[in-house]
Amino acid sequence: QVQLVESGGGLVQAGGSLRLSCAASGIIISINVMGWYRSAPGKQRELVATITSGGSVNYADSVKGRFTITRVNVKTVYLQMNSLKPEETAIYYCRYEARSGGASYRPYWGQGTQVTVSS
């Protein structure tokens, strides 16, 4: 099994910055995609950013130019968030597509970290 643990959330004023971290543990053969998603009250969970094992990145249009996803090592990913807006208050989740003993990749989710942006 794979466990993901997020950290770095908190309270920040609008225009401020936070860096989220996600670290994996457990039996991991390989990780194909690392990503961040967020879930705001009354809204569906949405993709924020992803990065593949080959380094390809993808961002939601709303965060392009302000957020940066970085694969720190084989098990850890950062999300640097700058110029945060109050509407980006949400629980942020990391999600990995990983192989853990099985033949195929499957998604694993962290427990989430709260990000609150005050106006």
N, C-alpha and C. Protein backbone atom coordinates (compact mmCIF):
# COMPACT_ATOMS: atom_id res chain seq x y z
N GLN A 1 0.83 -1.21 0.00
CA GLN A 1 0.00 0.00 0.00
C GLN A 1 0.86 1.25 0.00
N VAL A 2 0.27 2.32 -0.49
CA VAL A 2 0.93 3.62 -0.56
C VAL A 2 0.18 4.60 0.32
N GLN A 3 0.91 5.31 1.12
CA GLN A 3 0.33 6.37 1.95
C GLN A 3 0.90 7.71 1.51
N LEU A 4 0.02 8.70 1.42
CA LEU A 4 0.42 10.05 1.06
C LEU A 4 0.11 10.98 2.21
N VAL A 5 1.06 11.84 2.52
CA VAL A 5 0.87 12.79 3.61
C VAL A 5 1.18 14.19 3.10
N GLU A 6 0.17 15.07 3.18
CA GLU A 6 0.35 16.46 2.77
C GLU A 6 0.72 17.31 3.98
N SER A 7 1.40 18.40 3.71
CA SER A 7 1.70 19.38 4.73
C SER A 7 1.86 20.74 4.07
N GLY A 8 1.86 21.77 4.90
CA GLY A 8 2.11 23.12 4.39
C GLY A 8 0.89 24.00 4.27
N GLY A 9 -0.27 23.46 4.54
CA GLY A 9 -1.46 24.30 4.47
C GLY A 9 -1.51 25.27 5.63
N GLY A 10 -2.47 26.18 5.58
CA GLY A 10 -2.60 27.15 6.65
C GLY A 10 -3.42 28.34 6.23
N LEU A 11 -3.29 29.39 7.02
CA LEU A 11 -4.02 30.63 6.78
C LEU A 11 -3.07 31.67 6.21
N VAL A 12 -3.48 32.30 5.14
CA VAL A 12 -2.64 33.32 4.49
C VAL A 12 -3.54 34.43 3.99
N GLN A 13 -3.01 35.64 3.94
CA GLN A 13 -3.78 36.75 3.39
C GLN A 13 -3.78 36.71 1.87
N ALA A 14 -4.77 37.30 1.30
CA ALA A 14 -4.84 37.39 -0.17
C ALA A 14 -3.56 38.03 -0.70
N GLY A 15 -3.04 37.43 -1.76
CA GLY A 15 -1.79 37.90 -2.33
C GLY A 15 -0.57 37.20 -1.76
N GLY A 16 -0.77 36.43 -0.72
CA GLY A 16 0.33 35.73 -0.08
C GLY A 16 0.68 34.42 -0.77
N SER A 17 1.61 33.69 -0.15
CA SER A 17 2.12 32.46 -0.73
C SER A 17 2.13 31.34 0.30
N LEU A 18 2.00 30.14 -0.21
CA LEU A 18 2.16 28.93 0.59
C LEU A 18 2.83 27.88 -0.28
N ARG A 19 3.53 26.98 0.37
CA ARG A 19 4.08 25.83 -0.35
C ARG A 19 3.55 24.56 0.30
N LEU A 20 2.89 23.76 -0.49
CA LEU A 20 2.39 22.47 -0.03
C LEU A 20 3.39 21.38 -0.40
N SER A 21 3.44 20.38 0.45
CA SER A 21 4.32 19.25 0.21
C SER A 21 3.52 17.96 0.35
N CYS A 22 3.86 16.98 -0.46
CA CYS A 22 3.24 15.66 -0.38
C CYS A 22 4.34 14.63 -0.45
N ALA A 23 4.37 13.75 0.54
CA ALA A 23 5.38 12.71 0.58
C ALA A 23 4.70 11.34 0.64
N ALA A 24 5.24 10.42 -0.11
CA ALA A 24 4.69 9.07 -0.16
C ALA A 24 5.54 8.12 0.66
N SER A 25 4.87 7.13 1.21
CA SER A 25 5.58 6.05 1.91
C SER A 25 4.86 4.75 1.62
N GLY A 26 5.51 3.65 2.01
CA GLY A 26 4.92 2.35 1.76
C GLY A 26 5.67 1.64 0.64
N ILE A 27 5.02 0.62 0.15
CA ILE A 27 5.64 -0.18 -0.91
C ILE A 27 5.33 0.48 -2.25
N ILE A 28 6.34 1.05 -2.86
CA ILE A 28 6.16 1.79 -4.11
C ILE A 28 7.14 1.26 -5.14
N ILE A 29 6.60 0.78 -6.23
CA ILE A 29 7.45 0.33 -7.31
C ILE A 29 7.78 1.49 -8.24
N SER A 30 6.77 2.23 -8.60
CA SER A 30 6.99 3.43 -9.41
C SER A 30 5.79 4.35 -9.31
N ILE A 31 6.03 5.62 -9.59
CA ILE A 31 4.98 6.63 -9.59
C ILE A 31 4.95 7.26 -10.98
N ASN A 32 3.79 7.25 -11.59
CA ASN A 32 3.66 7.75 -12.95
C ASN A 32 3.31 9.23 -12.96
N VAL A 33 2.32 9.59 -12.17
CA VAL A 33 1.84 10.97 -12.15
C VAL A 33 1.66 11.41 -10.71
N MET A 34 2.09 12.62 -10.42
CA MET A 34 1.84 13.26 -9.13
C MET A 34 0.98 14.48 -9.40
N GLY A 35 0.03 14.72 -8.53
CA GLY A 35 -0.84 15.85 -8.78
C GLY A 35 -1.45 16.44 -7.53
N TRP A 36 -2.02 17.62 -7.70
CA TRP A 36 -2.74 18.32 -6.65
C TRP A 36 -4.14 18.64 -7.13
N TYR A 37 -5.08 18.43 -6.24
CA TYR A 37 -6.48 18.76 -6.49
C TYR A 37 -6.98 19.56 -5.30
N ARG A 38 -8.11 20.23 -5.49
CA ARG A 38 -8.68 20.96 -4.37
C ARG A 38 -10.18 20.83 -4.36
N SER A 39 -10.72 20.94 -3.16
CA SER A 39 -12.16 20.81 -2.97
C SER A 39 -12.62 21.96 -2.09
N ALA A 40 -13.42 22.85 -2.68
CA ALA A 40 -13.96 23.98 -1.94
C ALA A 40 -15.40 23.70 -1.55
N PRO A 41 -15.87 24.33 -0.49
CA PRO A 41 -17.25 24.10 -0.05
C PRO A 41 -18.25 24.35 -1.17
N GLY A 42 -19.11 23.38 -1.40
CA GLY A 42 -20.14 23.52 -2.42
C GLY A 42 -19.66 23.33 -3.84
N LYS A 43 -18.41 22.95 -4.01
CA LYS A 43 -17.89 22.76 -5.35
C LYS A 43 -17.32 21.36 -5.51
N GLN A 44 -17.25 20.93 -6.74
CA GLN A 44 -16.65 19.64 -7.02
C GLN A 44 -15.13 19.74 -6.89
N ARG A 45 -14.52 18.61 -6.58
CA ARG A 45 -13.06 18.57 -6.53
C ARG A 45 -12.53 18.85 -7.92
N GLU A 46 -11.50 19.71 -8.00
CA GLU A 46 -10.96 20.07 -9.29
C GLU A 46 -9.45 19.89 -9.31
N LEU A 47 -8.95 19.65 -10.52
CA LEU A 47 -7.52 19.52 -10.72
C LEU A 47 -6.86 20.88 -10.59
N VAL A 48 -5.71 20.89 -9.91
CA VAL A 48 -4.92 22.11 -9.81
C VAL A 48 -3.69 22.00 -10.70
N ALA A 49 -2.93 20.91 -10.51
CA ALA A 49 -1.70 20.74 -11.28
C ALA A 49 -1.26 19.29 -11.22
N THR A 50 -0.61 18.84 -12.28
CA THR A 50 -0.03 17.51 -12.30
C THR A 50 1.36 17.56 -12.93
N ILE A 51 2.15 16.55 -12.58
CA ILE A 51 3.48 16.40 -13.19
C ILE A 51 3.72 14.92 -13.38
N THR A 52 4.23 14.57 -14.56
CA THR A 52 4.49 13.18 -14.85
C THR A 52 5.92 12.80 -14.48
N SER A 53 6.18 11.51 -14.54
CA SER A 53 7.54 11.03 -14.26
C SER A 53 8.53 11.57 -15.27
N GLY A 54 8.04 11.93 -16.44
CA GLY A 54 8.91 12.51 -17.46
C GLY A 54 9.07 14.00 -17.35
N GLY A 55 8.36 14.61 -16.39
CA GLY A 55 8.50 16.04 -16.17
C GLY A 55 7.47 16.92 -16.85
N SER A 56 6.52 16.33 -17.54
CA SER A 56 5.48 17.13 -18.18
C SER A 56 4.51 17.66 -17.11
N VAL A 57 4.18 18.92 -17.23
CA VAL A 57 3.30 19.54 -16.24
C VAL A 57 2.01 20.01 -16.90
N ASN A 58 0.99 20.08 -16.08
CA ASN A 58 -0.31 20.54 -16.52
C ASN A 58 -0.93 21.34 -15.39
N TYR A 59 -1.49 22.51 -15.73
CA TYR A 59 -2.09 23.37 -14.72
C TYR A 59 -3.52 23.72 -15.11
N ALA A 60 -4.34 23.92 -14.09
CA ALA A 60 -5.65 24.50 -14.34
C ALA A 60 -5.43 25.93 -14.84
N ASP A 61 -6.28 26.38 -15.74
CA ASP A 61 -6.12 27.72 -16.30
C ASP A 61 -6.10 28.78 -15.21
N SER A 62 -6.85 28.56 -14.17
CA SER A 62 -6.99 29.58 -13.13
C SER A 62 -5.73 29.79 -12.30
N VAL A 63 -4.80 28.84 -12.36
CA VAL A 63 -3.59 28.95 -11.55
C VAL A 63 -2.32 29.16 -12.37
N LYS A 64 -2.44 29.11 -13.66
CA LYS A 64 -1.26 29.27 -14.52
C LYS A 64 -0.57 30.61 -14.25
N GLY A 65 0.74 30.53 -14.13
CA GLY A 65 1.51 31.73 -13.86
C GLY A 65 1.65 32.07 -12.38
N ARG A 66 0.87 31.40 -11.54
CA ARG A 66 0.94 31.68 -10.10
C ARG A 66 1.36 30.45 -9.29
N PHE A 67 0.98 29.27 -9.74
CA PHE A 67 1.31 28.04 -9.04
C PHE A 67 2.39 27.29 -9.81
N THR A 68 3.25 26.59 -9.06
CA THR A 68 4.28 25.77 -9.68
C THR A 68 4.35 24.43 -8.98
N ILE A 69 4.24 23.37 -9.76
CA ILE A 69 4.37 22.02 -9.22
C ILE A 69 5.78 21.52 -9.53
N THR A 70 6.40 20.91 -8.52
CA THR A 70 7.77 20.44 -8.66
C THR A 70 7.89 19.05 -8.06
N ARG A 71 8.49 18.17 -8.81
CA ARG A 71 8.78 16.84 -8.31
C ARG A 71 10.15 16.90 -7.65
N VAL A 72 10.17 16.86 -6.32
CA VAL A 72 11.40 17.04 -5.57
C VAL A 72 12.28 15.80 -5.67
N ASN A 73 11.69 14.65 -5.49
CA ASN A 73 12.39 13.38 -5.65
C ASN A 73 11.36 12.35 -6.05
N VAL A 74 11.71 11.09 -6.02
CA VAL A 74 10.81 10.07 -6.57
C VAL A 74 9.53 9.93 -5.76
N LYS A 75 9.51 10.44 -4.54
CA LYS A 75 8.34 10.25 -3.69
C LYS A 75 7.70 11.55 -3.21
N THR A 76 8.28 12.70 -3.53
CA THR A 76 7.82 13.96 -2.96
C THR A 76 7.54 14.98 -4.04
N VAL A 77 6.42 15.68 -3.86
CA VAL A 77 6.06 16.73 -4.80
C VAL A 77 5.67 17.98 -4.01
N TYR A 78 6.05 19.13 -4.54
CA TYR A 78 5.68 20.42 -3.96
C TYR A 78 4.66 21.12 -4.85
N LEU A 79 3.88 21.98 -4.22
CA LEU A 79 3.05 22.92 -4.96
C LEU A 79 3.31 24.30 -4.36
N GLN A 80 4.00 25.13 -5.11
CA GLN A 80 4.24 26.51 -4.69
C GLN A 80 3.08 27.36 -5.18
N MET A 81 2.42 28.03 -4.26
CA MET A 81 1.25 28.83 -4.61
C MET A 81 1.52 30.29 -4.26
N ASN A 82 1.50 31.11 -5.26
CA ASN A 82 1.74 32.54 -5.09
C ASN A 82 0.49 33.33 -5.47
N SER A 83 0.44 34.56 -4.99
CA SER A 83 -0.69 35.45 -5.31
C SER A 83 -2.03 34.77 -5.04
N LEU A 84 -2.15 34.20 -3.89
CA LEU A 84 -3.37 33.45 -3.56
C LEU A 84 -4.58 34.35 -3.45
N LYS A 85 -5.72 33.80 -3.82
CA LYS A 85 -6.98 34.53 -3.82
C LYS A 85 -7.94 33.91 -2.82
N PRO A 86 -8.84 34.70 -2.24
CA PRO A 86 -9.79 34.14 -1.27
C PRO A 86 -10.61 32.98 -1.82
N GLU A 87 -10.95 33.03 -3.12
CA GLU A 87 -11.75 31.96 -3.69
C GLU A 87 -10.97 30.66 -3.84
N GLU A 88 -9.68 30.69 -3.53
CA GLU A 88 -8.89 29.47 -3.57
C GLU A 88 -8.82 28.78 -2.22
N THR A 89 -9.59 29.28 -1.28
CA THR A 89 -9.76 28.58 -0.02
C THR A 89 -10.38 27.21 -0.28
N ALA A 90 -9.71 26.16 0.19
CA ALA A 90 -10.17 24.81 -0.11
C ALA A 90 -9.30 23.81 0.66
N ILE A 91 -9.72 22.58 0.61
CA ILE A 91 -8.86 21.49 1.06
C ILE A 91 -8.08 21.02 -0.17
N TYR A 92 -6.79 20.97 -0.03
CA TYR A 92 -5.92 20.56 -1.13
C TYR A 92 -5.45 19.13 -0.89
N TYR A 93 -5.62 18.32 -1.92
CA TYR A 93 -5.27 16.91 -1.85
C TYR A 93 -4.17 16.59 -2.85
N CYS A 94 -3.25 15.74 -2.46
CA CYS A 94 -2.33 15.21 -3.46
C CYS A 94 -2.84 13.85 -3.90
N ARG A 95 -2.52 13.54 -5.11
CA ARG A 95 -2.95 12.30 -5.75
C ARG A 95 -1.80 11.77 -6.58
N TYR A 96 -1.45 10.51 -6.35
CA TYR A 96 -0.41 9.85 -7.14
C TYR A 96 -1.03 8.69 -7.91
N GLU A 97 -0.54 8.47 -9.10
CA GLU A 97 -0.79 7.22 -9.81
C GLU A 97 0.46 6.37 -9.62
N ALA A 98 0.31 5.29 -8.89
CA ALA A 98 1.49 4.52 -8.51
C ALA A 98 1.25 3.03 -8.62
N ARG A 99 2.34 2.31 -8.74
CA ARG A 99 2.29 0.86 -8.69
C ARG A 99 2.87 0.42 -7.35
N SER A 100 2.11 -0.43 -6.68
CA SER A 100 2.53 -0.89 -5.36
C SER A 100 2.37 -2.40 -5.26
N GLY A 101 3.16 -3.10 -6.03
CA GLY A 101 3.10 -4.54 -5.96
C GLY A 101 2.24 -5.15 -7.05
N GLY A 102 1.22 -4.42 -7.46
CA GLY A 102 0.37 -4.92 -8.52
C GLY A 102 0.97 -4.65 -9.89
N ALA A 103 0.30 -5.15 -10.90
CA ALA A 103 0.82 -4.99 -12.25
C ALA A 103 0.44 -3.65 -12.86
N SER A 104 -0.57 -2.99 -12.31
CA SER A 104 -1.06 -1.77 -12.92
C SER A 104 -0.99 -0.59 -11.95
N TYR A 105 -1.03 0.60 -12.54
CA TYR A 105 -1.06 1.81 -11.73
C TYR A 105 -2.48 2.04 -11.21
N ARG A 106 -2.56 2.59 -10.03
CA ARG A 106 -3.84 2.98 -9.47
C ARG A 106 -3.67 4.28 -8.70
N PRO A 107 -4.77 5.02 -8.53
CA PRO A 107 -4.67 6.31 -7.82
C PRO A 107 -4.63 6.15 -6.31
N TYR A 108 -3.84 6.98 -5.69
CA TYR A 108 -3.77 7.07 -4.23
C TYR A 108 -3.96 8.53 -3.85
N TRP A 109 -4.70 8.77 -2.78
CA TRP A 109 -5.01 10.12 -2.32
C TRP A 109 -4.47 10.35 -0.92
N GLY A 110 -4.05 11.59 -0.67
CA GLY A 110 -3.72 11.99 0.67
C GLY A 110 -4.96 12.39 1.43
N GLN A 111 -4.78 12.74 2.69
CA GLN A 111 -5.92 13.08 3.54
C GLN A 111 -6.36 14.53 3.37
N GLY A 112 -5.55 15.33 2.73
CA GLY A 112 -5.90 16.72 2.47
C GLY A 112 -5.29 17.67 3.49
N THR A 113 -5.05 18.88 3.03
CA THR A 113 -4.56 19.94 3.92
C THR A 113 -5.35 21.21 3.62
N GLN A 114 -5.78 21.88 4.67
CA GLN A 114 -6.64 23.05 4.52
C GLN A 114 -5.81 24.28 4.16
N VAL A 115 -6.25 24.98 3.14
CA VAL A 115 -5.68 26.27 2.77
C VAL A 115 -6.79 27.31 2.89
N THR A 116 -6.56 28.32 3.69
CA THR A 116 -7.54 29.38 3.87
C THR A 116 -6.89 30.71 3.49
N VAL A 117 -7.53 31.41 2.56
CA VAL A 117 -7.01 32.69 2.10
C VAL A 117 -7.99 33.78 2.53
N SER A 118 -7.51 34.66 3.38
CA SER A 118 -8.39 35.72 3.89
C SER A 118 -8.29 36.96 3.01
N SER A 119 -9.40 37.67 2.95
CA SER A 119 -9.44 38.88 2.11
C SER A 119 -9.04 40.12 2.88
